[in-house]
Amino acid sequence: MENLGIPAVAVATSEFRQPARAQAAALGRSDYEAVYVAHPIQDQTREEIAARADAALEEIVARLTGININPPRS
């Protein structure tokens, strides 16, 4: 999608960090880095998964927009 000018970010669990990096390199995007959440997720409750999504939200938004939604306070 990014090659079409559409901002995108992949989100995966930490277990897939190395395979994702290998795939990105194979596609000529060795600079591409996904956003990773803790693994596993299949045994988590809806609330636990929502908490992981909430924890990753700032980074996802920043990657998509280039805007830090929670800048450090001076």
C-alpha atoms as a PDB file:
ATOM      1  CA  MET A   1       0.000   0.000   0.000  1.00  0.00           C
ATOM      2  CA  GLU A   2       2.823   2.386   0.798  1.00  0.00           C
ATOM      3  CA  ASN A   3       4.154   1.927  -2.739  1.00  0.00           C
ATOM      4  CA  LEU A   4       0.804   3.371  -3.861  1.00  0.00           C
ATOM      5  CA  GLY A   5       1.175   6.342  -1.531  1.00  0.00           C
ATOM      6  CA  ILE A   6      -1.226   4.971   1.081  1.00  0.00           C
ATOM      7  CA  PRO A   7       0.217   5.027   4.613  1.00  0.00           C
ATOM      8  CA  ALA A   8       0.253   1.547   6.137  1.00  0.00           C
ATOM      9  CA  VAL A   9       1.707  -0.214   9.119  1.00  0.00           C
ATOM     10  CA  ALA A  10       1.840  -3.921   9.803  1.00  0.00           C
ATOM     11  CA  VAL A  11       0.950  -5.079  13.313  1.00  0.00           C
ATOM     12  CA  ALA A  12       2.029  -8.502  14.555  1.00  0.00           C
ATOM     13  CA  THR A  13       3.002 -10.274  17.725  1.00  0.00           C
ATOM     14  CA  SER A  14       6.632 -10.308  18.800  1.00  0.00           C
ATOM     15  CA  GLU A  15       6.918 -13.974  17.807  1.00  0.00           C
ATOM     16  CA  PHE A  16       6.837 -12.899  14.161  1.00  0.00           C
ATOM     17  CA  ARG A  17       9.517 -10.179  14.339  1.00  0.00           C
ATOM     18  CA  GLN A  18      12.252 -12.172  12.550  1.00  0.00           C
ATOM     19  CA  PRO A  19       9.980 -13.663   9.845  1.00  0.00           C
ATOM     20  CA  ALA A  20       8.490 -10.214   9.188  1.00  0.00           C
ATOM     21  CA  ARG A  21      11.933  -8.652   8.834  1.00  0.00           C
ATOM     22  CA  ALA A  22      13.002 -11.444   6.476  1.00  0.00           C
ATOM     23  CA  GLN A  23       9.871 -10.963   4.344  1.00  0.00           C
ATOM     24  CA  ALA A  24      10.367  -7.188   4.236  1.00  0.00           C
ATOM     25  CA  ALA A  25      13.973  -7.672   3.113  1.00  0.00           C
ATOM     26  CA  ALA A  26      12.904 -10.173   0.452  1.00  0.00           C
ATOM     27  CA  LEU A  27      10.469  -7.554  -0.870  1.00  0.00           C
ATOM     28  CA  GLY A  28      13.191  -4.911  -1.008  1.00  0.00           C
ATOM     29  CA  ARG A  29      11.982  -3.097   2.121  1.00  0.00           C
ATOM     30  CA  SER A  30      14.633  -4.025   4.691  1.00  0.00           C
ATOM     31  CA  ASP A  31      14.017  -0.606   6.261  1.00  0.00           C
ATOM     32  CA  TYR A  32      10.374  -1.459   7.007  1.00  0.00           C
ATOM     33  CA  GLU A  33       9.560  -2.200  10.629  1.00  0.00           C
ATOM     34  CA  ALA A  34       6.195  -3.426  11.861  1.00  0.00           C
ATOM     35  CA  VAL A  35       4.621  -2.595  15.222  1.00  0.00           C
ATOM     36  CA  TYR A  36       4.828  -5.571  17.560  1.00  0.00           C
ATOM     37  CA  VAL A  37       2.646  -6.505  20.510  1.00  0.00           C
ATOM     38  CA  ALA A  38       3.302  -9.196  23.098  1.00  0.00           C
ATOM     39  CA  HIS A  39       2.847 -12.821  22.059  1.00  0.00           C
ATOM     40  CA  PRO A  40       0.660 -14.846  22.339  1.00  0.00           C
ATOM     41  CA  ILE A  41      -2.765 -13.320  21.904  1.00  0.00           C
ATOM     42  CA  GLN A  42      -4.991 -16.324  21.209  1.00  0.00           C
ATOM     43  CA  ASP A  43      -5.396 -17.118  24.912  1.00  0.00           C
ATOM     44  CA  GLN A  44      -6.104 -13.522  25.945  1.00  0.00           C
ATOM     45  CA  THR A  45      -9.448 -12.122  26.952  1.00  0.00           C
ATOM     46  CA  ARG A  46     -11.116  -9.395  24.903  1.00  0.00           C
ATOM     47  CA  GLU A  47     -10.053  -6.890  27.576  1.00  0.00           C
ATOM     48  CA  GLU A  48      -6.417  -8.048  27.505  1.00  0.00           C
ATOM     49  CA  ILE A  49      -6.271  -7.770  23.726  1.00  0.00           C
ATOM     50  CA  ALA A  50      -7.853  -4.313  23.910  1.00  0.00           C
ATOM     51  CA  ALA A  51      -5.169  -3.276  26.413  1.00  0.00           C
ATOM     52  CA  ARG A  52      -2.422  -4.439  24.028  1.00  0.00           C
ATOM     53  CA  ALA A  53      -4.058  -2.552  21.172  1.00  0.00           C
ATOM     54  CA  ASP A  54      -4.329   0.569  23.336  1.00  0.00           C
ATOM     55  CA  ALA A  55      -0.637   0.274  24.250  1.00  0.00           C
ATOM     56  CA  ALA A  56       0.339   0.109  20.545  1.00  0.00           C
ATOM     57  CA  LEU A  57      -2.044   2.835  19.358  1.00  0.00           C
ATOM     58  CA  GLU A  58       0.305   5.792  19.780  1.00  0.00           C
ATOM     59  CA  GLU A  59       3.033   4.130  17.731  1.00  0.00           C
ATOM     60  CA  ILE A  60       0.579   3.056  15.025  1.00  0.00           C
ATOM     61  CA  VAL A  61      -0.864   6.563  14.702  1.00  0.00           C
ATOM     62  CA  ALA A  62       2.625   8.091  14.644  1.00  0.00           C
ATOM     63  CA  ARG A  63       3.713   5.732  11.871  1.00  0.00           C
ATOM     64  CA  LEU A  64       0.612   6.437   9.794  1.00  0.00           C
ATOM     65  CA  THR A  65       0.582  10.202  10.223  1.00  0.00           C
ATOM     66  CA  GLY A  66       4.080  11.215  11.257  1.00  0.00           C
ATOM     67  CA  ILE A  67       2.458  12.910  14.260  1.00  0.00           C
ATOM     68  CA  ASN A  68       3.255  11.968  17.838  1.00  0.00           C
ATOM     69  CA  ILE A  69      -0.123  12.057  19.590  1.00  0.00           C
ATOM     70  CA  ASN A  70       1.474  12.149  23.026  1.00  0.00           C
ATOM     71  CA  PRO A  71       4.531  14.449  22.779  1.00  0.00           C
ATOM     72  CA  PRO A  72       6.789  14.668  25.826  1.00  0.00           C
ATOM     73  CA  ARG A  73       5.996  17.515  28.199  1.00  0.00           C
ATOM     74  CA  SER A  74       8.615  20.135  28.926  1.00  0.00           C
END
